[in-house]
Amino acid sequence: MAKSGKKMSKHKGKASARPKGSKAVAKSKIKPAAQANPAANVANADDTVVIALSLPPVKPSDSMSAYFKKCQEKLGFIPNVLKAYAFDMAKLEPFVAMYNDLMLGPSGLSKLEREMIAVAVSSHNRCYYCLVSHGAAVRQYAGDPVLGELIAMNYRAARLDKRQRAMLDFVVKLSAQPWQVEENDRERLRRAGFSDRDIWDIGAVAGFFNMSNRVASATDMRPNSVYHLMAR
């Protein structure tokens, strides 16, 4: 599991960050949907019509069957993005592997920071699916619904520390004008405390969500309704 870099305190006028170890991340695990949202089992159109394309699912591989079961046990539901990719195991399996490596694997970035990147990039791209699903994750990891909304709506309005602001400025520029990213942009990240390996991870997470945003928008991917009320 990833080592936690920094963790946001509850939003009280100013969001602060302080280093925490991996144990702190463990305390921030996303709660099962049944606890986060009592209305999780209420029928919702977004839970039945996942994408706008007619792509019937195929029989899942053994590894994906086990993964779906794990999601159901830990989250209380299977994320719709997995259902959207379930028409082709050759696409689903590498998608899951890359997601888990980038978002949950070892990194100098905390899980919260990686989710903040996902939301800032998705906000720039106006990706409904990722804003809803990863906005819920930011609220959970930060323990702060206000911060979660600020990142989703306009991260510049959030009172972030130097490290987090530099990180989000970089990923939004990378998303909007990648050809303009230069050495001074990377140097700003270094001055904010990121290592070169961290900068690789920042770019990789941002790149993954730019891809995911576009696939979600192309297919009108719909988030599970449970996400809307999680960690409010």
Protein backbone atom coordinates (compact mmCIF):
# COMPACT_ATOMS: atom_id res chain seq x y z
CA MET A 1 0.00 0.00 0.00
CA ALA A 2 1.08 3.57 -0.55
CA LYS A 3 2.87 5.58 2.07
CA SER A 4 0.87 8.62 2.91
CA GLY A 5 2.60 11.87 2.07
CA LYS A 6 0.42 14.56 3.59
CA LYS A 7 -3.05 14.60 4.94
CA MET A 8 -5.51 17.44 4.94
CA SER A 9 -6.90 18.61 8.25
CA LYS A 10 -10.58 19.46 8.52
CA HIS A 11 -11.42 22.66 6.72
CA LYS A 12 -11.53 25.47 9.30
CA GLY A 13 -10.74 28.61 7.40
CA LYS A 14 -7.51 27.13 6.03
CA ALA A 15 -6.62 23.69 4.78
CA SER A 16 -3.36 22.56 6.35
CA ALA A 17 -1.18 19.58 5.59
CA ARG A 18 1.10 17.55 7.79
CA PRO A 19 3.13 14.41 7.10
CA LYS A 20 1.63 11.12 8.09
CA GLY A 21 2.73 7.54 7.79
CA SER A 22 0.94 4.66 6.13
CA LYS A 23 -1.10 4.02 9.27
CA ALA A 24 -2.82 7.35 8.83
CA VAL A 25 -3.91 6.33 5.36
CA ALA A 26 -5.39 3.13 6.71
CA LYS A 27 -7.65 5.16 8.97
CA SER A 28 -8.98 7.01 5.94
CA LYS A 29 -10.27 3.98 4.09
CA ILE A 30 -13.51 4.57 2.25
CA LYS A 31 -16.44 3.24 4.22
CA PRO A 32 -18.82 0.69 2.68
CA ALA A 33 -21.70 2.27 0.81
CA ALA A 34 -24.23 0.95 3.28
CA GLN A 35 -22.63 3.04 6.03
CA ALA A 36 -21.93 6.08 3.88
CA ASN A 37 -25.37 6.26 2.32
CA PRO A 38 -28.46 4.57 3.79
CA ALA A 39 -30.22 5.07 0.46
CA ALA A 40 -27.58 3.10 -1.46
CA ASN A 41 -30.05 0.42 -2.55
CA VAL A 42 -32.59 2.81 -4.01
CA ALA A 43 -33.03 2.22 -7.74
CA ASN A 44 -31.51 4.92 -9.92
CA ALA A 45 -31.27 5.24 -13.67
CA ASP A 46 -27.50 5.75 -13.48
CA ASP A 47 -27.20 2.36 -11.81
CA THR A 48 -28.95 0.55 -14.66
CA VAL A 49 -27.93 2.48 -17.78
CA VAL A 50 -24.17 2.76 -17.29
CA ILE A 51 -23.13 3.97 -20.76
CA ALA A 52 -24.85 5.13 -23.93
CA LEU A 53 -23.36 2.30 -26.03
CA SER A 54 -24.78 -1.19 -26.43
CA LEU A 55 -21.85 -3.35 -25.35
CA PRO A 56 -23.03 -6.51 -23.59
CA PRO A 57 -20.65 -7.78 -20.90
CA VAL A 58 -18.69 -10.96 -21.50
CA LYS A 59 -17.95 -13.65 -18.95
CA PRO A 60 -15.42 -12.12 -16.54
CA SER A 61 -12.04 -13.72 -16.12
CA ASP A 62 -11.26 -15.41 -12.82
CA SER A 63 -9.18 -12.44 -11.69
CA MET A 64 -11.91 -9.94 -12.54
CA SER A 65 -14.60 -12.07 -10.88
CA ALA A 66 -12.51 -12.00 -7.71
CA TYR A 67 -11.99 -8.25 -8.10
CA PHE A 68 -15.73 -7.59 -8.50
CA LYS A 69 -16.36 -9.63 -5.37
CA LYS A 70 -13.75 -7.64 -3.47
CA CYS A 71 -15.35 -4.36 -4.56
CA GLN A 72 -18.76 -5.58 -3.44
CA GLU A 73 -17.39 -6.61 -0.05
CA LYS A 74 -15.33 -3.47 0.61
CA LEU A 75 -17.42 -0.76 -1.04
CA GLY A 76 -20.86 -2.31 -1.01
CA PHE A 77 -21.17 -1.96 -4.81
CA ILE A 78 -19.28 -2.46 -8.08
CA PRO A 79 -18.17 0.86 -9.62
CA ASN A 80 -19.91 1.49 -12.91
CA VAL A 81 -16.62 2.16 -14.67
CA LEU A 82 -15.79 -1.53 -14.23
CA LYS A 83 -19.15 -2.51 -15.70
CA ALA A 84 -18.52 -0.14 -18.61
CA TYR A 85 -15.25 -1.92 -19.45
CA ALA A 86 -16.67 -5.41 -18.84
CA PHE A 87 -17.48 -6.03 -22.52
CA ASP A 88 -13.80 -6.85 -23.13
CA MET A 89 -11.48 -8.42 -20.56
CA ALA A 90 -8.46 -7.36 -22.62
CA LYS A 91 -9.44 -3.75 -21.86
CA LEU A 92 -10.78 -4.18 -18.34
CA GLU A 93 -7.81 -6.03 -16.85
CA PRO A 94 -5.07 -3.53 -17.85
CA PHE A 95 -7.37 -0.62 -16.89
CA VAL A 96 -7.80 -2.06 -13.39
CA ALA A 97 -4.09 -2.88 -13.08
CA MET A 98 -3.00 0.64 -14.05
CA TYR A 99 -5.62 2.29 -11.85
CA ASN A 100 -4.60 0.25 -8.80
CA ASP A 101 -0.91 0.89 -9.40
CA LEU A 102 -1.33 4.66 -9.86
CA MET A 103 -3.91 5.33 -7.15
CA LEU A 104 -3.15 2.69 -4.53
CA GLY A 105 0.42 1.58 -5.14
CA PRO A 106 3.62 2.86 -3.47
CA SER A 107 4.19 6.57 -4.09
CA GLY A 108 5.53 9.71 -2.47
CA LEU A 109 2.04 11.11 -3.06
CA SER A 110 -0.62 10.38 -0.48
CA LYS A 111 -3.85 8.77 -1.59
CA LEU A 112 -5.60 12.05 -0.90
CA GLU A 113 -3.18 13.94 -3.14
CA ARG A 114 -3.73 11.45 -5.95
CA GLU A 115 -7.49 11.83 -5.61
CA MET A 116 -7.08 15.62 -5.61
CA ILE A 117 -5.27 15.32 -8.93
CA ALA A 118 -8.07 13.14 -10.31
CA VAL A 119 -10.69 15.70 -9.34
CA ALA A 120 -8.77 18.79 -10.52
CA VAL A 121 -8.13 17.19 -13.92
CA SER A 122 -11.74 15.99 -14.16
CA SER A 123 -12.98 19.45 -13.22
CA HIS A 124 -10.97 20.99 -16.04
CA ASN A 125 -12.39 18.38 -18.44
CA ARG A 126 -15.90 18.62 -16.92
CA CYS A 127 -16.10 14.85 -16.63
CA TYR A 128 -19.31 14.02 -14.80
CA TYR A 129 -18.38 10.45 -13.93
CA CYS A 130 -14.97 11.18 -12.43
CA LEU A 131 -16.05 14.35 -10.64
CA VAL A 132 -18.78 12.44 -8.84
CA SER A 133 -16.83 9.28 -8.05
CA HIS A 134 -13.47 10.84 -7.19
CA GLY A 135 -15.06 13.85 -5.55
CA ALA A 136 -16.52 11.35 -3.08
CA ALA A 137 -13.03 9.91 -2.51
CA VAL A 138 -11.57 13.36 -1.77
CA ARG A 139 -14.33 13.98 0.78
CA GLN A 140 -13.60 10.62 2.38
CA TYR A 141 -9.81 10.90 2.56
CA ALA A 142 -9.83 14.56 3.62
CA GLY A 143 -12.68 14.12 6.09
CA ASP A 144 -13.87 17.45 4.70
CA PRO A 145 -16.89 17.83 2.39
CA VAL A 146 -16.09 21.52 1.88
CA LEU A 147 -12.61 20.79 0.53
CA GLY A 148 -14.06 18.10 -1.72
CA GLU A 149 -16.50 20.58 -3.24
CA LEU A 150 -13.83 23.25 -3.64
CA ILE A 151 -11.52 20.94 -5.57
CA ALA A 152 -14.40 19.83 -7.79
CA MET A 153 -15.67 23.35 -8.50
CA ASN A 154 -12.51 25.48 -8.49
CA TYR A 155 -9.37 24.32 -6.71
CA ARG A 156 -8.02 27.89 -6.82
CA ALA A 157 -10.67 28.90 -4.30
CA ALA A 158 -9.42 26.32 -1.80
CA ARG A 159 -6.88 27.43 0.80
CA LEU A 160 -4.28 24.83 -0.14
CA ASP A 161 -0.71 24.72 1.04
CA LYS A 162 2.20 25.47 -1.32
CA ARG A 163 2.74 21.79 -2.15
CA GLN A 164 -0.85 21.06 -3.08
CA ARG A 165 -1.35 24.28 -5.04
CA ALA A 166 1.79 23.67 -7.11
CA MET A 167 0.68 20.11 -7.78
CA LEU A 168 -2.78 21.09 -8.99
CA ASP A 169 -1.51 24.03 -11.03
CA PHE A 170 0.83 21.62 -12.80
CA VAL A 171 -1.79 18.96 -13.61
CA VAL A 172 -4.31 21.49 -14.92
CA LYS A 173 -1.67 23.07 -17.17
CA LEU A 174 -0.66 19.58 -18.29
CA SER A 175 -4.31 18.88 -19.13
CA ALA A 176 -5.07 22.19 -20.85
CA GLN A 177 -1.78 23.09 -22.55
CA PRO A 178 0.63 20.15 -22.36
CA TRP A 179 2.90 21.64 -25.03
CA GLN A 180 3.61 24.58 -22.71
CA VAL A 181 4.93 22.50 -19.82
CA GLU A 182 8.60 23.40 -19.39
CA GLU A 183 11.46 22.88 -16.96
CA ASN A 184 10.39 25.82 -14.80
CA ASP A 185 7.08 24.02 -14.17
CA ARG A 186 8.92 20.93 -12.94
CA GLU A 187 11.28 23.09 -10.91
CA ARG A 188 8.33 24.69 -9.15
CA LEU A 189 7.23 21.22 -8.08
CA ARG A 190 10.73 20.48 -6.77
CA ARG A 191 10.71 23.69 -4.76
CA ALA A 192 7.36 22.66 -3.31
CA GLY A 193 8.96 19.46 -1.99
CA PHE A 194 8.33 16.89 -4.73
CA SER A 195 11.04 14.50 -5.87
CA ASP A 196 11.58 13.66 -9.52
CA ARG A 197 9.83 10.32 -8.90
CA ASP A 198 6.90 12.24 -7.40
CA ILE A 199 6.75 14.40 -10.52
CA TRP A 200 6.55 11.24 -12.63
CA ASP A 201 3.64 10.04 -10.49
CA ILE A 202 1.88 13.41 -10.73
CA GLY A 203 2.15 13.32 -14.51
CA ALA A 204 1.08 9.67 -14.70
CA VAL A 205 -2.03 10.18 -12.56
CA ALA A 206 -2.97 13.30 -14.54
CA GLY A 207 -2.42 11.47 -17.83
CA PHE A 208 -4.54 8.52 -16.72
CA PHE A 209 -7.47 10.72 -15.80
CA ASN A 210 -7.27 12.76 -18.97
CA MET A 211 -7.66 9.47 -20.82
CA SER A 212 -10.42 8.24 -18.51
CA ASN A 213 -12.29 11.53 -18.74
CA ARG A 214 -12.40 11.31 -22.50
CA VAL A 215 -13.59 7.71 -22.54
CA ALA A 216 -16.26 8.56 -19.97
CA SER A 217 -17.44 11.56 -21.98
CA ALA A 218 -17.39 9.64 -25.27
CA THR A 219 -19.63 6.93 -23.81
CA ASP A 220 -21.76 9.08 -21.45
CA MET A 221 -20.54 6.95 -18.54
CA ARG A 222 -22.74 7.40 -15.48
CA PRO A 223 -21.52 7.17 -11.86
CA ASN A 224 -23.16 4.96 -9.26
CA SER A 225 -25.85 6.97 -7.48
CA VAL A 226 -24.35 6.05 -4.09
CA TYR A 227 -21.38 8.35 -4.73
CA HIS A 228 -23.53 11.49 -4.55
CA LEU A 229 -24.23 11.20 -0.83
CA MET A 230 -21.00 9.62 0.37
CA ALA A 231 -19.01 11.54 3.04
CA ARG A 232 -21.44 14.47 3.17
